[in-house]
N, C-alpha and C. Protein backbone atom coordinates (compact mmCIF):
# COMPACT_ATOMS: atom_id res chain seq x y z
N MET A 1 214.67 -72.87 339.86
CA MET A 1 215.81 -72.89 340.07
C MET A 1 215.70 -71.98 341.22
N ASP A 2 214.83 -70.82 342.14
CA ASP A 2 214.94 -70.62 342.61
C ASP A 2 214.53 -71.16 344.86
N SER A 3 213.77 -72.18 344.42
CA SER A 3 213.76 -72.90 346.00
C SER A 3 215.53 -73.82 346.19
N LEU A 4 216.53 -73.95 344.44
CA LEU A 4 217.47 -74.53 344.83
C LEU A 4 218.76 -72.51 345.87
N THR A 5 218.40 -72.31 345.57
CA THR A 5 219.23 -71.20 346.49
C THR A 5 218.36 -71.46 347.63
N ARG A 6 217.35 -70.85 347.92
CA ARG A 6 216.48 -70.72 349.36
C ARG A 6 217.23 -71.67 349.62
N PHE A 7 217.09 -73.09 349.26
CA PHE A 7 217.39 -74.49 350.79
C PHE A 7 219.13 -75.63 350.03
N ARG A 8 219.03 -74.58 349.85
CA ARG A 8 220.38 -74.54 349.62
C ARG A 8 221.61 -75.97 350.10
N ALA A 9 221.52 -75.73 351.65
CA ALA A 9 221.78 -77.22 352.64
C ALA A 9 220.97 -77.90 352.34
N VAL A 10 219.28 -77.87 351.95
CA VAL A 10 219.09 -79.66 351.41
C VAL A 10 219.38 -79.56 350.42
N ALA A 11 219.76 -79.51 349.37
CA ALA A 11 220.62 -79.45 348.49
C ALA A 11 221.76 -80.36 348.19
N LEU A 12 222.72 -79.72 349.12
CA LEU A 12 223.79 -80.14 348.77
C LEU A 12 224.05 -81.40 349.82
N THR A 13 222.23 -81.95 350.29
CA THR A 13 222.71 -82.21 351.52
C THR A 13 222.23 -83.74 351.07
N VAL A 14 222.22 -83.83 350.21
CA VAL A 14 221.01 -84.89 348.69
C VAL A 14 222.79 -85.58 348.49
N PRO A 15 223.13 -85.26 348.09
CA PRO A 15 224.55 -86.26 347.52
C PRO A 15 225.09 -87.80 348.99
N PHE A 16 225.00 -86.07 349.99
CA PHE A 16 225.80 -86.70 350.85
C PHE A 16 224.57 -87.58 351.81
N ALA A 17 224.24 -87.37 352.14
CA ALA A 17 222.23 -87.80 352.81
C ALA A 17 223.04 -90.04 351.77
N LEU A 18 222.50 -89.91 350.14
CA LEU A 18 222.92 -90.71 350.34
C LEU A 18 224.18 -91.41 350.16
N ALA A 19 225.31 -91.08 350.48
CA ALA A 19 225.90 -91.28 350.07
C ALA A 19 226.91 -92.80 351.01
N LEU A 20 226.95 -91.33 352.13
CA LEU A 20 226.68 -92.03 353.50
C LEU A 20 226.04 -93.46 353.49
N TRP A 21 224.52 -93.55 353.11
CA TRP A 21 223.47 -94.20 353.22
C TRP A 21 224.20 -95.54 352.34
N VAL A 22 224.33 -95.31 351.94
CA VAL A 22 226.06 -96.50 351.15
C VAL A 22 226.53 -97.51 351.82
N LEU A 23 226.81 -95.35 352.29
CA LEU A 23 228.89 -96.26 352.45
C LEU A 23 228.61 -97.07 354.33
N MET A 24 227.26 -96.82 354.67
CA MET A 24 226.90 -97.51 355.80
C MET A 24 226.59 -99.01 356.15
N PHE A 25 225.81 -98.57 354.71
CA PHE A 25 225.70 -100.85 354.50
C PHE A 25 226.84 -101.51 353.44
N ALA A 26 227.61 -100.46 353.33
CA ALA A 26 228.94 -101.81 353.01
C ALA A 26 230.13 -101.55 354.23
N ALA A 27 229.72 -101.02 355.71
CA ALA A 27 230.91 -101.32 356.61
C ALA A 27 230.06 -102.52 356.92
N ALA A 28 228.06 -102.10 356.84
CA ALA A 28 227.87 -103.19 357.08
C ALA A 28 228.19 -104.63 356.70
N GLY A 29 228.54 -104.89 355.32
CA GLY A 29 228.49 -105.92 354.98
C GLY A 29 227.41 -106.82 354.47
N PHE A 30 226.40 -106.56 354.41
CA PHE A 30 225.66 -107.80 354.57
C PHE A 30 224.91 -108.66 356.10
N GLY A 31 225.25 -107.90 357.65
CA GLY A 31 225.42 -108.23 358.71
C GLY A 31 227.22 -109.18 359.01
N ASN A 32 228.45 -109.28 358.14
CA ASN A 32 229.46 -109.78 358.34
C ASN A 32 229.67 -108.58 358.58
N GLY A 33 230.32 -107.47 358.35
CA GLY A 33 230.55 -106.04 358.58
C GLY A 33 230.58 -105.69 360.01
N ILE A 34 231.05 -104.01 360.35
CA ILE A 34 230.49 -102.92 361.34
C ILE A 34 229.49 -102.43 361.38
N TYR A 35 228.64 -102.29 362.30
CA TYR A 35 227.79 -100.80 362.69
C TYR A 35 228.11 -99.15 363.06
N VAL A 36 229.73 -99.62 363.16
CA VAL A 36 230.25 -98.30 364.16
C VAL A 36 229.31 -97.20 362.58
N PRO A 37 229.33 -96.66 361.58
CA PRO A 37 228.90 -96.31 360.85
C PRO A 37 227.17 -95.66 361.33
N PHE A 38 226.00 -96.88 361.30
CA PHE A 38 225.58 -96.10 361.39
C PHE A 38 225.12 -95.68 362.67
N VAL A 39 226.06 -96.27 363.72
CA VAL A 39 225.59 -95.02 365.13
C VAL A 39 226.54 -94.33 365.03
N VAL A 40 227.49 -93.60 364.18
CA VAL A 40 228.12 -92.33 363.98
C VAL A 40 226.80 -91.63 363.83
N PHE A 41 226.05 -92.00 362.45
CA PHE A 41 225.41 -91.38 361.20
C PHE A 41 223.82 -90.60 361.82
N TYR A 42 223.35 -92.08 362.32
CA TYR A 42 222.21 -91.90 363.54
C TYR A 42 222.05 -91.80 364.15
N ALA A 43 223.27 -91.53 365.56
CA ALA A 43 222.66 -91.61 366.85
C ALA A 43 221.57 -91.69 366.63
N PRO A 44 220.89 -90.59 367.27
CA PRO A 44 220.35 -90.11 367.44
C PRO A 44 219.00 -90.60 367.30
N LEU A 45 218.88 -91.45 366.40
CA LEU A 45 217.39 -92.34 365.88
C LEU A 45 217.85 -94.06 366.42
N LEU A 46 218.76 -93.80 367.32
CA LEU A 46 219.12 -95.33 367.49
C LEU A 46 218.72 -95.15 369.19
N VAL A 47 219.12 -93.95 369.68
CA VAL A 47 218.16 -93.59 371.21
C VAL A 47 216.91 -93.76 371.40
N VAL A 48 215.43 -93.98 370.47
CA VAL A 48 214.73 -94.02 370.19
C VAL A 48 213.97 -95.43 370.10
N SER A 49 214.83 -95.87 369.42
CA SER A 49 214.63 -97.73 368.94
C SER A 49 215.83 -98.66 368.43
N SER A 50 216.04 -99.29 368.27
CA SER A 50 217.12 -100.38 368.04
C SER A 50 217.81 -100.62 367.09
N ILE A 51 218.26 -100.61 366.40
CA ILE A 51 218.90 -101.20 364.75
C ILE A 51 217.88 -102.33 364.34
N GLY A 52 217.14 -101.86 363.30
CA GLY A 52 216.64 -102.43 362.73
C GLY A 52 215.94 -101.55 360.97
N TRP A 53 215.36 -102.79 359.77
CA TRP A 53 215.47 -102.47 359.15
C TRP A 53 214.33 -101.74 358.12
N LEU A 54 213.60 -100.75 359.75
CA LEU A 54 213.02 -99.55 359.26
C LEU A 54 213.51 -98.78 359.80
N THR A 55 214.46 -98.11 360.32
CA THR A 55 215.19 -97.47 361.51
C THR A 55 216.36 -97.22 359.75
N PHE A 56 217.17 -98.47 359.30
CA PHE A 56 217.86 -98.32 357.76
C PHE A 56 217.76 -97.76 357.16
N LEU A 57 215.74 -97.37 356.73
CA LEU A 57 215.15 -97.14 355.27
C LEU A 57 215.15 -96.02 356.05
N VAL A 58 214.86 -94.90 356.91
CA VAL A 58 214.03 -93.44 357.42
C VAL A 58 216.36 -92.79 357.87
N ALA A 59 216.50 -92.91 358.41
CA ALA A 59 217.63 -93.13 358.62
C ALA A 59 218.06 -91.25 357.74
N PRO A 60 218.62 -91.72 356.53
CA PRO A 60 218.71 -90.66 355.93
C PRO A 60 217.54 -88.98 355.61
N ALA A 61 216.36 -89.31 356.27
CA ALA A 61 215.76 -87.87 356.33
C ALA A 61 216.71 -87.27 357.71
N LEU A 62 216.92 -88.56 358.51
CA LEU A 62 217.75 -87.17 359.97
C LEU A 62 218.39 -86.48 359.09
N HIS A 63 219.18 -86.54 357.89
CA HIS A 63 220.29 -85.84 356.84
C HIS A 63 219.58 -84.45 356.91
N PHE A 64 218.27 -84.75 356.01
CA PHE A 64 217.35 -83.67 355.60
C PHE A 64 217.04 -82.80 356.40
N LEU A 65 216.50 -83.16 357.96
CA LEU A 65 215.89 -82.63 358.78
C LEU A 65 217.32 -81.42 359.28
N TYR A 66 218.38 -82.15 359.34
CA TYR A 66 219.77 -80.78 359.66
C TYR A 66 219.63 -79.79 358.79
N ALA A 67 219.91 -80.19 357.87
CA ALA A 67 219.92 -79.35 356.63
C ALA A 67 218.84 -78.80 356.62
N ALA A 68 217.74 -79.37 356.80
CA ALA A 68 216.41 -78.08 357.13
C ALA A 68 216.64 -76.77 357.92
N VAL A 69 216.96 -77.24 359.14
CA VAL A 69 217.24 -76.78 359.99
C VAL A 69 218.61 -75.42 359.61
N ALA A 70 219.03 -75.80 359.27
CA ALA A 70 220.42 -74.86 358.34
C ALA A 70 220.34 -74.56 357.52
N ASP A 71 219.22 -74.35 356.86
CA ASP A 71 218.73 -73.75 355.68
C ASP A 71 218.06 -72.01 355.80
N ILE A 72 217.34 -72.71 356.98
CA ILE A 72 215.65 -71.92 358.00
C ILE A 72 217.11 -71.58 359.07
N VAL A 73 217.90 -71.05 359.32
CA VAL A 73 219.56 -70.67 360.07
C VAL A 73 219.73 -69.16 358.94
N ARG A 74 219.69 -69.77 357.75
CA ARG A 74 220.62 -68.29 357.09
C ARG A 74 219.81 -68.05 356.47
N ALA A 75 218.28 -67.81 356.66
CA ALA A 75 217.39 -67.97 356.18
C ALA A 75 216.86 -66.35 357.51
N GLY A 76 217.99 -66.15 358.18
CA GLY A 76 218.01 -65.86 359.41
C GLY A 76 216.90 -65.96 360.44
N LEU A 77 215.94 -66.62 360.17
CA LEU A 77 215.13 -66.91 360.62
C LEU A 77 214.76 -67.68 362.55
N VAL A 78 216.26 -67.72 362.65
CA VAL A 78 216.67 -68.64 364.02
C VAL A 78 218.16 -67.90 364.22
N PRO A 79 218.41 -68.30 365.32
CA PRO A 79 219.97 -67.82 365.55
C PRO A 79 220.65 -69.52 365.21
N ILE A 80 222.29 -69.26 365.20
CA ILE A 80 222.68 -70.07 364.65
C ILE A 80 222.92 -71.58 365.83
N HIS A 81 222.26 -70.81 367.66
CA HIS A 81 222.95 -71.56 368.59
C HIS A 81 221.97 -72.88 367.78
N TYR A 82 220.76 -72.73 367.42
CA TYR A 82 219.81 -73.84 367.04
C TYR A 82 220.65 -74.77 366.31
N LEU A 83 221.23 -74.58 365.71
CA LEU A 83 221.78 -75.63 364.45
C LEU A 83 223.30 -76.08 365.80
N ILE A 84 223.64 -75.52 366.07
CA ILE A 84 225.32 -75.44 367.01
C ILE A 84 224.18 -76.86 368.14
N ALA A 85 223.63 -76.40 368.51
CA ALA A 85 222.58 -77.66 369.74
C ALA A 85 222.32 -78.77 369.84
N LEU A 86 222.27 -78.48 368.18
CA LEU A 86 221.71 -79.96 366.64
C LEU A 86 222.83 -80.79 367.16
N ALA A 87 223.84 -79.86 367.08
CA ALA A 87 225.14 -80.78 366.07
C ALA A 87 225.72 -81.69 367.84
N VAL A 88 225.09 -80.75 369.02
CA VAL A 88 225.82 -81.20 370.12
C VAL A 88 225.21 -82.20 370.54
N ALA A 89 223.25 -81.83 370.30
CA ALA A 89 222.95 -82.87 370.27
C ALA A 89 223.60 -84.24 369.70
N HIS A 90 223.00 -84.40 368.65
CA HIS A 90 223.78 -85.63 367.21
C HIS A 90 225.06 -86.29 368.81
N TYR A 91 226.10 -85.12 369.40
CA TYR A 91 227.35 -86.00 369.40
C TYR A 91 226.55 -86.65 370.50
N ALA A 92 226.28 -86.42 371.05
CA ALA A 92 225.51 -86.77 372.80
C ALA A 92 224.91 -88.25 372.75
N ALA A 93 224.63 -88.06 371.39
CA ALA A 93 223.37 -89.39 371.01
C ALA A 93 224.41 -90.62 370.80
N ILE A 94 225.40 -89.68 369.80
CA ILE A 94 226.40 -90.90 369.40
C ILE A 94 227.20 -91.55 371.18
N ALA A 95 228.44 -91.02 371.85
CA ALA A 95 227.79 -90.82 373.66
C ALA A 95 227.54 -92.05 374.22
N TYR A 96 225.93 -91.55 374.03
CA TYR A 96 225.19 -92.53 374.57
C TYR A 96 224.69 -94.08 374.16
N VAL A 97 224.82 -93.80 372.59
CA VAL A 97 224.37 -95.02 371.79
C VAL A 97 225.41 -95.59 372.40
N GLY A 98 226.49 -95.25 371.88
CA GLY A 98 228.25 -96.23 371.63
C GLY A 98 228.68 -96.34 373.49
N LEU A 99 227.39 -95.87 373.99
CA LEU A 99 228.56 -96.02 376.19
C LEU A 99 226.42 -97.51 376.53
N ALA A 100 226.22 -97.00 376.01
CA ALA A 100 224.74 -97.03 376.40
C ALA A 100 224.31 -97.88 376.71
N THR A 101 223.56 -98.40 374.89
CA THR A 101 222.61 -99.26 375.19
C THR A 101 223.90 -100.67 374.63
N GLU A 102 223.31 -101.79 374.49
CA GLU A 102 223.30 -102.65 373.82
C GLU A 102 223.76 -102.66 372.62
N ASP A 103 223.43 -102.56 371.69
CA ASP A 103 223.35 -102.26 370.07
C ASP A 103 224.69 -101.37 370.40
N GLY A 104 224.59 -100.04 370.78
CA GLY A 104 226.30 -99.16 370.55
C GLY A 104 227.04 -100.43 370.81
N ARG A 105 227.56 -100.29 371.84
CA ARG A 105 228.40 -101.46 373.15
C ARG A 105 229.19 -102.17 371.65
N ASP A 106 227.80 -102.72 371.22
CA ASP A 106 228.23 -104.27 370.38
C ASP A 106 228.97 -103.46 368.56
N ALA A 107 228.93 -102.57 368.45
CA ALA A 107 229.14 -101.84 367.62
C ALA A 107 230.25 -101.49 367.65
N PHE A 108 230.37 -100.39 368.92
CA PHE A 108 232.20 -99.89 369.20
C PHE A 108 232.95 -101.04 369.71
N LEU A 109 232.01 -101.94 371.01
CA LEU A 109 232.96 -102.40 371.76
C LEU A 109 233.75 -104.05 371.47
N GLU A 110 231.87 -105.10 371.42
CA GLU A 110 232.50 -106.68 371.42
C GLU A 110 232.27 -106.89 370.01
N SER A 111 232.86 -105.89 368.43
CA SER A 111 232.68 -106.88 367.76
C SER A 111 234.02 -106.80 367.49
N SER A 112 233.88 -108.45 366.58
CA SER A 112 234.98 -109.13 365.98
C SER A 112 236.35 -108.31 365.18
N PRO A 113 237.39 -109.42 365.71
CA PRO A 113 238.79 -109.02 364.57
C PRO A 113 238.32 -108.17 362.93
N GLY A 114 237.26 -109.69 362.86
CA GLY A 114 237.56 -109.71 361.46
C GLY A 114 235.88 -108.71 360.87
N ALA A 115 235.61 -108.63 361.27
CA ALA A 115 234.50 -107.27 361.44
C ALA A 115 234.47 -106.02 360.99
N TRP A 116 235.68 -105.49 361.95
CA TRP A 116 236.82 -104.54 362.12
C TRP A 116 237.24 -104.48 361.10
N ARG A 117 237.92 -105.85 360.41
CA ARG A 117 238.87 -105.53 358.96
C ARG A 117 237.70 -105.43 358.00
N ALA A 118 236.89 -106.55 358.13
CA ALA A 118 236.09 -106.35 356.74
C ALA A 118 234.87 -104.73 356.52
N GLY A 119 234.94 -103.95 356.97
CA GLY A 119 234.43 -102.95 357.25
C GLY A 119 235.03 -101.62 357.35
N GLY A 120 235.90 -101.67 357.65
CA GLY A 120 237.62 -100.79 358.30
C GLY A 120 236.86 -99.61 357.54
N VAL A 121 237.79 -99.59 355.98
CA VAL A 121 238.05 -99.05 355.03
C VAL A 121 236.26 -98.28 354.85
N TRP A 122 235.70 -99.01 354.52
CA TRP A 122 233.57 -98.01 354.85
C TRP A 122 233.36 -97.21 355.58
N VAL A 123 233.76 -97.63 357.06
CA VAL A 123 233.93 -96.78 358.47
C VAL A 123 234.64 -95.51 358.18
N VAL A 124 236.18 -95.99 357.85
CA VAL A 124 236.72 -94.42 358.28
C VAL A 124 236.58 -93.36 356.81
N LEU A 125 236.51 -94.36 355.94
CA LEU A 125 235.93 -93.36 354.71
C LEU A 125 233.98 -92.24 354.49
N GLY A 126 233.37 -92.96 355.16
CA GLY A 126 231.88 -93.02 355.65
C GLY A 126 232.43 -91.59 357.75
N ILE A 127 233.13 -92.19 357.70
CA ILE A 127 233.69 -91.35 359.07
C ILE A 127 233.69 -89.41 357.99
N ALA A 128 234.57 -89.67 358.20
CA ALA A 128 235.40 -88.88 356.95
C ALA A 128 234.31 -88.14 356.45
N LEU A 129 233.03 -88.60 355.49
CA LEU A 129 232.96 -88.33 354.80
C LEU A 129 231.68 -87.63 355.88
N PHE A 130 231.15 -88.51 356.93
CA PHE A 130 230.30 -87.22 357.94
C PHE A 130 230.94 -86.30 358.21
N VAL A 131 231.74 -85.94 358.36
CA VAL A 131 232.54 -84.57 359.08
C VAL A 131 232.78 -84.24 358.11
N ALA A 132 233.54 -83.86 356.63
CA ALA A 132 233.11 -82.62 355.40
C ALA A 132 231.47 -82.27 355.32
N TRP A 133 230.61 -83.62 355.46
CA TRP A 133 229.03 -83.18 354.60
C TRP A 133 228.91 -82.28 356.09
N GLN A 134 229.44 -82.16 357.44
CA GLN A 134 229.22 -80.91 358.83
C GLN A 134 229.63 -79.76 357.87
N VAL A 135 231.14 -79.44 357.58
CA VAL A 135 232.18 -78.97 357.49
C VAL A 135 230.97 -77.81 356.09
N ALA A 136 230.44 -78.64 354.99
CA ALA A 136 229.64 -78.33 354.27
C ALA A 136 228.21 -77.46 354.57
N LEU A 137 227.37 -78.27 356.20
CA LEU A 137 226.37 -77.51 355.73
C LEU A 137 227.29 -76.19 356.62
N ALA A 138 227.83 -75.78 357.59
CA ALA A 138 228.36 -75.35 358.25
C ALA A 138 228.77 -73.70 357.80
N ARG A 139 229.52 -73.96 356.20
CA ARG A 139 229.49 -73.20 355.30
C ARG A 139 228.67 -73.12 355.12
N ALA A 140 227.38 -73.34 354.52
CA ALA A 140 226.47 -73.04 353.72
C ALA A 140 225.58 -71.64 354.76
N VAL A 141 225.82 -72.21 355.92
CA VAL A 141 224.93 -71.07 357.13
C VAL A 141 225.94 -69.82 357.27
N ARG A 142 227.05 -69.99 356.84
CA ARG A 142 227.84 -68.35 357.20
C ARG A 142 227.95 -67.44 356.79
N PRO A 143 227.25 -66.02 357.90
CA PRO A 143 227.25 -65.30 357.27
C PRO A 143 228.08 -64.33 355.95
N ARG A 144 227.94 -64.25 354.43
CA ARG A 144 229.42 -64.31 353.40
C ARG A 144 229.55 -62.06 353.35
N PRO A 145 230.01 -61.95 353.56
CA PRO A 145 230.73 -60.29 353.93
C PRO A 145 230.37 -60.19 352.19
N PRO A 146 230.27 -58.58 352.92
CA PRO A 146 229.34 -57.59 352.56
C PRO A 146 230.26 -57.30 350.92
N MET A 147 229.93 -57.82 349.58
CA MET A 147 230.31 -57.06 347.98
C MET A 147 231.23 -55.45 348.39
N VAL A 148 232.01 -55.33 347.89
CA VAL A 148 232.80 -54.30 348.29
C VAL A 148 233.30 -54.50 346.67
N SER A 149 233.04 -53.28 345.44
CA SER A 149 233.94 -52.80 345.30
C SER A 149 234.32 -51.90 344.15
């Protein structure tokens, strides 16, 4: 149990990462839906490769990397600026992939209206869960006020 308290952000991320991964597949609709959740959740992976099955399979590891950095910040080994820089880099990767790459433009701009309808609920649910995970991660590294009795 000591490892769960030491690596609280990683333990917290397990259900989020799995849920986001499943929602990504639901939105994609076996190739007939939309890939916006994949671009939002895993944009840094798309900066170095295109959408492919191998990328789909290793994608959840990105969330665990972020959670590990959050645990290192929480332990006081590095300042919180590292976690903030990681978040900024992730959102910059979303902007880059969404605007500058063929896969991203296709996911955001060129998808057919039917694809948006097929994946719409899953896209909204996935992005809401992604933001909730980031809030939970931020709360996990927030310093606790001293206990006063």
